[in-house]
Amino acid sequence: MRFCCRVMLFMAALANLPLNANQIKLQREDVEIDFKDDGYFKSIPFIELSNDLFFITDNFNHRILEYRLQGNKLEFLRPIGRKGQGPGDLQRPTEISIGDSILAVHDEMGISFFGLDGIFKSKFQLLSKSTAMMFADGKIYSATYDSKKPELIQIYEGTSEPKFGFQEKKKLFPLKYDIHRGLSPDSVERIIFEGVLLADGRYVYYLNKRFGKCLQYTLEGKLTAERDLLALLAKNEKAKAKENSRLFLEEGYDLIKANRMIPQNYIFDAARFSDNRLYVLLDPYDVIEKKKKTQIEIIRIDPEKWSIEARYVLDIGDAWTMNFVVARENGRPVFIVPLRQPKEDEKICLFRPTPESPKRISN
């Protein structure tokens, strides 16, 4: 018996799957969307959810579209912002973040703030280049790839100059600008520090997409925990991190020789906090087999124990997604996902857990 248990533990360690993790199948349902023909067009870069209010960035028309989510329908409420450079105007909005009933919008000019009723409140210019933005505790947190700034995360409170910064970049990764060809120092930082910023009300989290680092800070920027996402994942994700380390931290990357193409090799595409749990959308590309997986996979992590509680899976064929938000339905998580088929416009889909009992993963 002891021998069998040891074998099971050993095999689980090799596969990086927790012995008692639930694998939960998802089922897909397309969402009916008001204002679709006059709203977004080919793509949905960013989405956000606040209770039953759902937001889509429409950067082709320089605005945000606000909807009310009702079951499997999105009822159009209003556009937020318009093209221009004045108060309430936007220029190609990208990231959006909601905190304290305020919508923060990051665009080419900086950060604009709106009420959830669409009324403009204020704006300021964001001078540093940002690879991730989040609005929490009345502050803008920005992960910068400005090589002139030594700290990765800058905190802004309504002005273009950051109030302070934290997380020294060189302590996080060994930056070597001169080993790359065709990349400026800012471009090198943008590649290395691509990630997401999240908050759960008590802490701020930075998750790195290429190397799997997950850092936890107080709202004031004090480092309280450092985790490794790769410790929970399988050999494909480890292979991606290893290749990223070789290309961007050790040997250097030749952008000119590579025809100005940057390999993605992301470990994950997006992450969200909901009900004190971290949800991570794994990137579907199999770097070992050199092909895209047909299965979407979202893992649910207990951030305190740093363990995977469940894996949500669904076969989506040749479709793909890079973003999601988490809602609750009858006490269970429901994922709202922009999904795109080749040669088609993106759709908004609901991914619900199937009613059947979860399958136990064991080795």
Protein backbone atom coordinates (compact mmCIF):
# COMPACT_ATOMS: atom_id res chain seq x y z
CA MET A 1 0.00 0.00 0.00
CA ARG A 2 2.77 2.45 0.90
CA PHE A 3 4.55 1.62 -2.33
CA CYS A 4 1.40 2.33 -4.39
CA CYS A 5 0.86 5.65 -2.62
CA ARG A 6 4.43 6.67 -3.30
CA VAL A 7 4.08 5.78 -6.96
CA MET A 8 0.89 7.83 -7.20
CA LEU A 9 2.53 10.85 -5.59
CA PHE A 10 5.57 10.51 -7.83
CA MET A 11 3.44 10.31 -10.97
CA ALA A 12 1.36 13.30 -9.87
CA ALA A 13 4.53 15.32 -9.32
CA LEU A 14 5.71 14.43 -12.81
CA ALA A 15 2.46 15.51 -14.40
CA ASN A 16 2.07 18.53 -12.09
CA LEU A 17 -1.57 17.66 -11.45
CA PRO A 18 -2.95 17.74 -7.90
CA LEU A 19 -4.25 14.33 -6.90
CA ASN A 20 -7.72 15.53 -5.95
CA ALA A 21 -8.25 18.39 -8.42
CA ASN A 22 -11.66 18.47 -10.09
CA GLN A 23 -11.85 18.50 -13.87
CA ILE A 24 -15.12 20.20 -14.74
CA LYS A 25 -16.49 20.18 -18.26
CA LEU A 26 -17.96 23.40 -19.61
CA GLN A 27 -20.82 23.88 -22.03
CA ARG A 28 -21.06 26.81 -24.42
CA GLU A 29 -23.99 29.13 -25.06
CA ASP A 30 -23.76 32.14 -27.38
CA VAL A 31 -24.93 35.46 -25.94
CA GLU A 32 -27.47 37.61 -27.76
CA ILE A 33 -26.14 41.16 -28.07
CA ASP A 34 -28.07 44.38 -28.63
CA PHE A 35 -26.47 47.12 -30.74
CA LYS A 36 -24.06 44.63 -32.32
CA ASP A 37 -24.23 45.99 -35.86
CA ASP A 38 -23.55 49.54 -34.66
CA GLY A 39 -21.23 48.50 -31.85
CA TYR A 40 -18.00 46.55 -31.98
CA PHE A 41 -16.77 45.11 -35.25
CA LYS A 42 -14.02 42.56 -35.77
CA SER A 43 -12.56 42.15 -32.33
CA ILE A 44 -13.21 42.64 -28.63
CA PRO A 45 -9.87 43.61 -27.06
CA PHE A 46 -11.00 44.07 -23.45
CA ILE A 47 -14.08 43.32 -21.38
CA GLU A 48 -15.06 44.05 -17.78
CA LEU A 49 -17.93 43.08 -15.50
CA SER A 50 -19.39 44.86 -12.47
CA ASN A 51 -22.38 43.02 -11.00
CA ASP A 52 -24.71 42.84 -14.03
CA LEU A 53 -23.03 45.66 -15.97
CA PHE A 54 -20.84 44.47 -18.84
CA PHE A 55 -18.34 46.66 -20.72
CA ILE A 56 -16.64 46.18 -24.11
CA THR A 57 -13.86 48.34 -25.52
CA ASP A 58 -14.76 49.55 -29.02
CA ASN A 59 -11.43 51.06 -29.99
CA PHE A 60 -12.42 51.34 -33.66
CA ASN A 61 -14.96 53.97 -32.60
CA HIS A 62 -12.95 55.33 -29.64
CA ARG A 63 -15.49 54.46 -26.96
CA ILE A 64 -16.66 51.92 -24.40
CA LEU A 65 -19.98 50.11 -24.83
CA GLU A 66 -22.00 49.41 -21.68
CA TYR A 67 -24.54 46.59 -21.47
CA ARG A 68 -26.71 44.92 -18.86
CA LEU A 69 -26.19 41.17 -18.61
CA GLN A 70 -29.49 39.30 -18.25
CA GLY A 71 -29.10 35.55 -18.52
CA ASN A 72 -27.75 34.91 -21.99
CA LYS A 73 -28.56 38.39 -23.31
CA LEU A 74 -26.65 41.68 -23.31
CA GLU A 75 -29.01 44.66 -23.31
CA PHE A 76 -27.31 47.78 -24.65
CA LEU A 77 -27.38 50.74 -22.28
CA ARG A 78 -25.05 53.44 -23.58
CA PRO A 79 -21.78 54.34 -25.26
CA ILE A 80 -19.15 55.89 -23.00
CA GLY A 81 -16.71 58.37 -24.50
CA ARG A 82 -16.25 59.58 -28.06
CA LYS A 83 -13.40 60.36 -30.43
CA GLY A 84 -11.44 63.48 -29.49
CA GLN A 85 -8.95 64.95 -27.08
CA GLY A 86 -11.13 66.89 -24.68
CA PRO A 87 -12.89 65.97 -21.41
CA GLY A 88 -14.77 62.70 -21.87
CA ASP A 89 -13.06 62.00 -25.20
CA LEU A 90 -11.04 58.87 -25.95
CA GLN A 91 -8.36 57.82 -28.44
CA ARG A 92 -8.31 54.06 -29.10
CA PRO A 93 -9.19 52.80 -25.61
CA THR A 94 -7.47 49.58 -24.62
CA GLU A 95 -7.59 48.52 -20.99
CA ILE A 96 -10.52 49.12 -18.65
CA SER A 97 -10.78 48.54 -14.91
CA ILE A 98 -13.56 49.10 -12.37
CA GLY A 99 -13.19 50.06 -8.72
CA ASP A 100 -15.56 51.77 -6.29
CA SER A 101 -18.24 52.17 -9.01
CA ILE A 102 -15.78 54.06 -11.20
CA LEU A 103 -14.72 52.96 -14.70
CA ALA A 104 -11.07 53.73 -15.47
CA VAL A 105 -10.17 53.71 -19.18
CA HIS A 106 -6.61 53.56 -20.49
CA ASP A 107 -6.20 54.98 -24.00
CA GLU A 108 -3.47 56.62 -26.10
CA MET A 109 -3.78 59.86 -24.11
CA GLY A 110 -3.77 58.46 -20.59
CA ILE A 111 -6.41 57.55 -18.02
CA SER A 112 -10.04 58.76 -18.05
CA PHE A 113 -12.56 58.15 -15.28
CA PHE A 114 -16.31 57.70 -15.78
CA GLY A 115 -19.19 56.80 -13.52
CA LEU A 116 -20.98 53.55 -14.31
CA ASP A 117 -23.77 55.80 -15.61
CA GLY A 118 -21.38 56.99 -18.34
CA ILE A 119 -20.81 60.47 -16.91
CA PHE A 120 -17.24 61.75 -17.31
CA LYS A 121 -15.40 62.62 -14.09
CA SER A 122 -11.73 63.36 -14.74
CA LYS A 123 -8.62 62.40 -16.72
CA PHE A 124 -4.84 62.66 -16.62
CA GLN A 125 -2.01 61.90 -19.00
CA LEU A 126 -0.06 58.67 -18.48
CA LEU A 127 3.51 59.40 -19.55
CA SER A 128 5.09 56.00 -18.95
CA LYS A 129 4.38 53.10 -21.31
CA SER A 130 2.15 50.54 -19.65
CA THR A 131 1.90 46.79 -20.18
CA ALA A 132 -0.89 46.39 -17.59
CA MET A 133 -3.25 48.76 -15.76
CA MET A 134 -5.61 48.37 -12.82
CA PHE A 135 -7.80 50.72 -10.78
CA ALA A 136 -8.06 49.81 -7.08
CA ASP A 137 -8.25 51.62 -3.75
CA GLY A 138 -8.79 54.92 -5.60
CA LYS A 139 -5.42 54.59 -7.37
CA ILE A 140 -4.15 53.58 -10.79
CA TYR A 141 -1.57 50.80 -10.70
CA SER A 142 0.47 50.56 -13.89
CA ALA A 143 3.11 47.98 -14.83
CA THR A 144 5.51 50.06 -16.89
CA TYR A 145 8.00 49.10 -19.56
CA ASP A 146 9.73 52.47 -19.39
CA SER A 147 13.45 51.63 -19.13
CA LYS A 148 14.11 55.00 -17.50
CA LYS A 149 12.13 53.94 -14.44
CA PRO A 150 13.76 51.35 -12.15
CA GLU A 151 10.49 50.20 -10.53
CA LEU A 152 8.06 48.00 -12.43
CA ILE A 153 4.79 49.16 -10.85
CA GLN A 154 3.87 52.83 -10.65
CA ILE A 155 0.98 54.24 -8.60
CA TYR A 156 -0.91 57.32 -9.84
CA GLU A 157 -3.46 59.46 -8.03
CA GLY A 158 -4.89 61.83 -10.62
CA THR A 159 -1.66 63.32 -12.00
CA SER A 160 0.73 62.36 -14.79
CA GLU A 161 3.60 61.89 -12.34
CA PRO A 162 3.44 58.70 -10.27
CA LYS A 163 3.05 59.11 -6.53
CA PHE A 164 5.56 56.31 -6.02
CA GLY A 165 6.75 53.03 -7.52
CA PHE A 166 7.70 49.59 -6.24
CA GLN A 167 9.22 46.27 -7.33
CA GLU A 168 12.71 46.92 -8.68
CA LYS A 169 12.87 45.44 -12.18
CA LYS A 170 16.42 44.13 -11.98
CA LYS A 171 15.60 42.15 -8.83
CA LEU A 172 12.77 40.44 -10.69
CA PHE A 173 14.66 39.53 -13.88
CA PRO A 174 18.30 39.98 -15.02
CA LEU A 175 17.80 42.65 -17.68
CA LYS A 176 20.41 42.69 -20.46
CA TYR A 177 19.55 45.22 -23.14
CA ASP A 178 22.73 44.81 -25.21
CA ILE A 179 22.28 41.09 -26.03
CA HIS A 180 19.31 41.81 -28.30
CA ARG A 181 19.33 43.04 -31.89
CA GLY A 182 16.62 45.30 -33.27
CA LEU A 183 14.99 45.86 -29.88
CA SER A 184 15.11 49.09 -27.88
CA PRO A 185 15.46 48.85 -24.09
CA ASP A 186 11.75 49.71 -23.77
CA SER A 187 10.85 46.94 -26.23
CA VAL A 188 12.94 44.44 -24.27
CA GLU A 189 11.10 45.39 -21.08
CA ARG A 190 7.73 45.17 -22.77
CA ILE A 191 8.44 41.57 -23.81
CA ILE A 192 9.89 40.47 -20.47
CA PHE A 193 7.32 42.15 -18.22
CA GLU A 194 4.13 41.32 -20.13
CA GLY A 195 1.62 40.39 -17.47
CA VAL A 196 -1.54 41.31 -15.60
CA LEU A 197 -2.34 43.31 -12.47
CA LEU A 198 -5.13 42.14 -10.17
CA ALA A 199 -6.52 43.08 -6.76
CA ASP A 200 -8.72 41.25 -4.26
CA GLY A 201 -9.43 44.13 -1.90
CA ARG A 202 -6.50 43.36 0.38
CA TYR A 203 -3.60 42.76 -1.97
CA VAL A 204 -2.31 43.67 -5.40
CA TYR A 205 -1.00 40.86 -7.61
CA TYR A 206 1.35 40.94 -10.58
CA LEU A 207 1.38 37.80 -12.75
CA ASN A 208 3.99 37.47 -15.48
CA LYS A 209 2.80 35.83 -18.70
CA ARG A 210 6.15 34.54 -19.95
CA PHE A 211 7.82 33.28 -16.78
CA GLY A 212 4.97 32.44 -14.40
CA LYS A 213 5.99 34.62 -11.48
CA CYS A 214 3.12 35.67 -9.24
CA LEU A 215 3.91 38.42 -6.74
CA GLN A 216 1.61 39.60 -3.96
CA TYR A 217 1.87 43.10 -2.48
CA THR A 218 0.01 45.22 0.00
CA LEU A 219 -1.94 48.10 -1.52
CA GLU A 220 1.03 50.28 -0.54
CA GLY A 221 3.46 48.12 -2.52
CA LYS A 222 5.12 45.95 0.14
CA LEU A 223 5.98 42.47 -1.16
CA THR A 224 4.19 39.87 0.99
CA ALA A 225 4.44 36.66 -1.08
CA GLU A 226 6.17 35.33 -4.18
CA ARG A 227 4.68 32.32 -5.96
CA ASP A 228 5.59 30.26 -9.01
CA LEU A 229 2.71 29.46 -11.33
CA LEU A 230 4.88 26.91 -13.15
CA ALA A 231 4.97 24.75 -10.01
CA LEU A 232 1.27 24.01 -10.62
CA LEU A 233 1.48 23.41 -14.37
CA ALA A 234 2.64 20.75 -16.80
CA LYS A 235 5.68 20.35 -19.04
CA ASN A 236 4.28 22.44 -21.90
CA GLU A 237 4.15 25.59 -19.75
CA LYS A 238 7.58 24.84 -18.29
CA ALA A 239 8.98 24.46 -21.80
CA LYS A 240 7.57 27.88 -22.75
CA ALA A 241 9.19 29.56 -19.74
CA LYS A 242 12.50 27.84 -20.48
CA GLU A 243 12.45 29.03 -24.10
CA ASN A 244 11.51 32.56 -23.03
CA SER A 245 14.41 32.58 -20.58
CA ARG A 246 16.84 31.45 -23.28
CA LEU A 247 15.66 34.02 -25.83
CA PHE A 248 15.10 37.09 -23.69
CA LEU A 249 17.24 36.70 -20.57
CA GLU A 250 20.25 34.61 -21.60
CA GLU A 251 21.23 34.45 -25.28
CA GLY A 252 19.30 37.42 -26.66
CA TYR A 253 16.81 37.80 -29.48
CA ASP A 254 17.51 38.92 -33.07
CA LEU A 255 14.37 40.73 -34.20
CA ILE A 256 15.78 41.46 -37.66
CA LYS A 257 16.70 37.84 -38.34
CA ALA A 258 13.24 36.79 -37.13
CA ASN A 259 11.53 39.12 -39.67
CA ARG A 260 10.40 41.36 -36.83
CA MET A 261 8.22 38.63 -35.30
CA ILE A 262 8.15 38.13 -31.53
CA PRO A 263 7.28 34.58 -30.37
CA GLN A 264 4.37 34.69 -27.95
CA ASN A 265 5.07 31.60 -25.84
CA TYR A 266 2.65 32.81 -23.18
CA ILE A 267 2.01 30.55 -20.20
CA PHE A 268 -1.42 32.12 -19.77
CA ASP A 269 -3.48 34.71 -21.63
CA ALA A 270 -5.62 36.25 -18.88
CA ALA A 271 -6.34 36.00 -15.16
CA ARG A 272 -9.12 37.16 -12.84
CA PHE A 273 -9.95 37.23 -9.13
CA SER A 274 -13.44 36.20 -8.02
CA ASP A 275 -14.66 35.18 -4.57
CA ASN A 276 -11.12 35.00 -3.17
CA ARG A 277 -10.02 32.63 -5.92
CA LEU A 278 -7.62 33.19 -8.79
CA TYR A 279 -8.80 32.03 -12.23
CA VAL A 280 -6.19 31.66 -14.97
CA LEU A 281 -6.86 31.10 -18.67
CA LEU A 282 -4.00 28.94 -19.95
CA ASP A 283 -2.59 29.70 -23.38
CA PRO A 284 -3.64 26.97 -25.84
CA TYR A 285 -0.46 26.78 -27.90
CA ASP A 286 1.48 23.54 -27.44
CA VAL A 287 5.12 24.54 -27.82
CA ILE A 288 6.27 20.92 -27.72
CA GLU A 289 3.92 19.67 -30.45
CA LYS A 290 4.09 23.02 -32.31
CA LYS A 291 0.33 23.35 -32.67
CA LYS A 292 -2.68 24.94 -31.03
CA LYS A 293 -4.71 22.80 -28.66
CA THR A 294 -8.43 22.55 -29.36
CA GLN A 295 -9.30 22.61 -25.66
CA ILE A 296 -9.71 25.74 -23.61
CA GLU A 297 -8.61 25.38 -19.99
CA ILE A 298 -9.23 27.68 -17.03
CA ILE A 299 -7.70 26.73 -13.70
CA ARG A 300 -9.01 27.84 -10.29
CA ILE A 301 -6.29 28.47 -7.71
CA ASP A 302 -6.50 28.89 -3.95
CA PRO A 303 -4.05 31.80 -3.50
CA GLU A 304 -3.38 30.99 0.16
CA LYS A 305 -2.52 27.31 -0.26
CA TRP A 306 -1.24 27.93 -3.81
CA SER A 307 -2.91 24.84 -5.18
CA ILE A 308 -5.23 24.10 -8.08
CA GLU A 309 -8.78 23.38 -6.89
CA ALA A 310 -10.41 22.80 -10.28
CA ARG A 311 -9.76 22.74 -14.01
CA TYR A 312 -12.56 23.91 -16.31
CA VAL A 313 -12.26 22.54 -19.85
CA LEU A 314 -14.13 22.83 -23.14
CA ASP A 315 -13.27 21.78 -26.69
CA ILE A 316 -13.55 24.88 -28.92
CA GLY A 317 -11.95 23.44 -32.07
CA ASP A 318 -10.08 26.04 -34.10
CA ALA A 319 -11.64 28.99 -32.25
CA TRP A 320 -9.56 31.02 -29.83
CA THR A 321 -9.87 33.52 -27.02
CA MET A 322 -7.50 35.65 -24.98
CA ASN A 323 -9.79 37.12 -22.34
CA PHE A 324 -12.65 36.32 -19.96
CA VAL A 325 -14.53 37.54 -16.90
CA VAL A 326 -16.08 35.51 -14.10
CA ALA A 327 -19.72 35.77 -12.99
CA ARG A 328 -21.67 33.67 -10.46
CA GLU A 329 -24.75 31.63 -11.19
CA ASN A 330 -26.41 29.46 -8.52
CA GLY A 331 -23.22 29.64 -6.49
CA ARG A 332 -21.01 28.37 -9.33
CA PRO A 333 -18.59 30.33 -11.52
CA VAL A 334 -19.72 31.13 -15.07
CA PHE A 335 -17.20 32.40 -17.59
CA ILE A 336 -18.06 35.13 -20.09
CA VAL A 337 -15.68 34.78 -23.01
CA PRO A 338 -15.12 36.60 -26.32
CA LEU A 339 -14.65 33.75 -28.79
CA ARG A 340 -13.45 34.04 -32.35
CA GLN A 341 -13.64 31.54 -35.19
CA PRO A 342 -11.31 31.97 -38.17
CA LYS A 343 -12.75 34.44 -40.73
CA GLU A 344 -15.57 35.43 -38.37
CA ASP A 345 -16.25 38.34 -36.03
CA GLU A 346 -15.92 37.62 -32.35
CA LYS A 347 -18.86 36.39 -30.32
CA ILE A 348 -19.60 36.70 -26.63
CA CYS A 349 -20.18 33.28 -25.09
CA LEU A 350 -21.20 31.88 -21.73
CA PHE A 351 -19.20 28.89 -20.55
CA ARG A 352 -21.17 27.11 -17.83
CA PRO A 353 -20.15 24.03 -15.83
CA THR A 354 -22.14 21.01 -16.95
CA PRO A 355 -24.71 19.64 -14.46
CA GLU A 356 -22.88 16.32 -14.31
CA SER A 357 -20.58 15.56 -11.39
CA PRO A 358 -16.95 16.70 -11.71
CA LYS A 359 -14.38 14.16 -12.75
CA ARG A 360 -11.60 13.53 -10.29
CA ILE A 361 -8.11 13.80 -11.72
CA SER A 362 -5.91 11.07 -10.38
CA ASN A 363 -2.68 9.51 -11.57
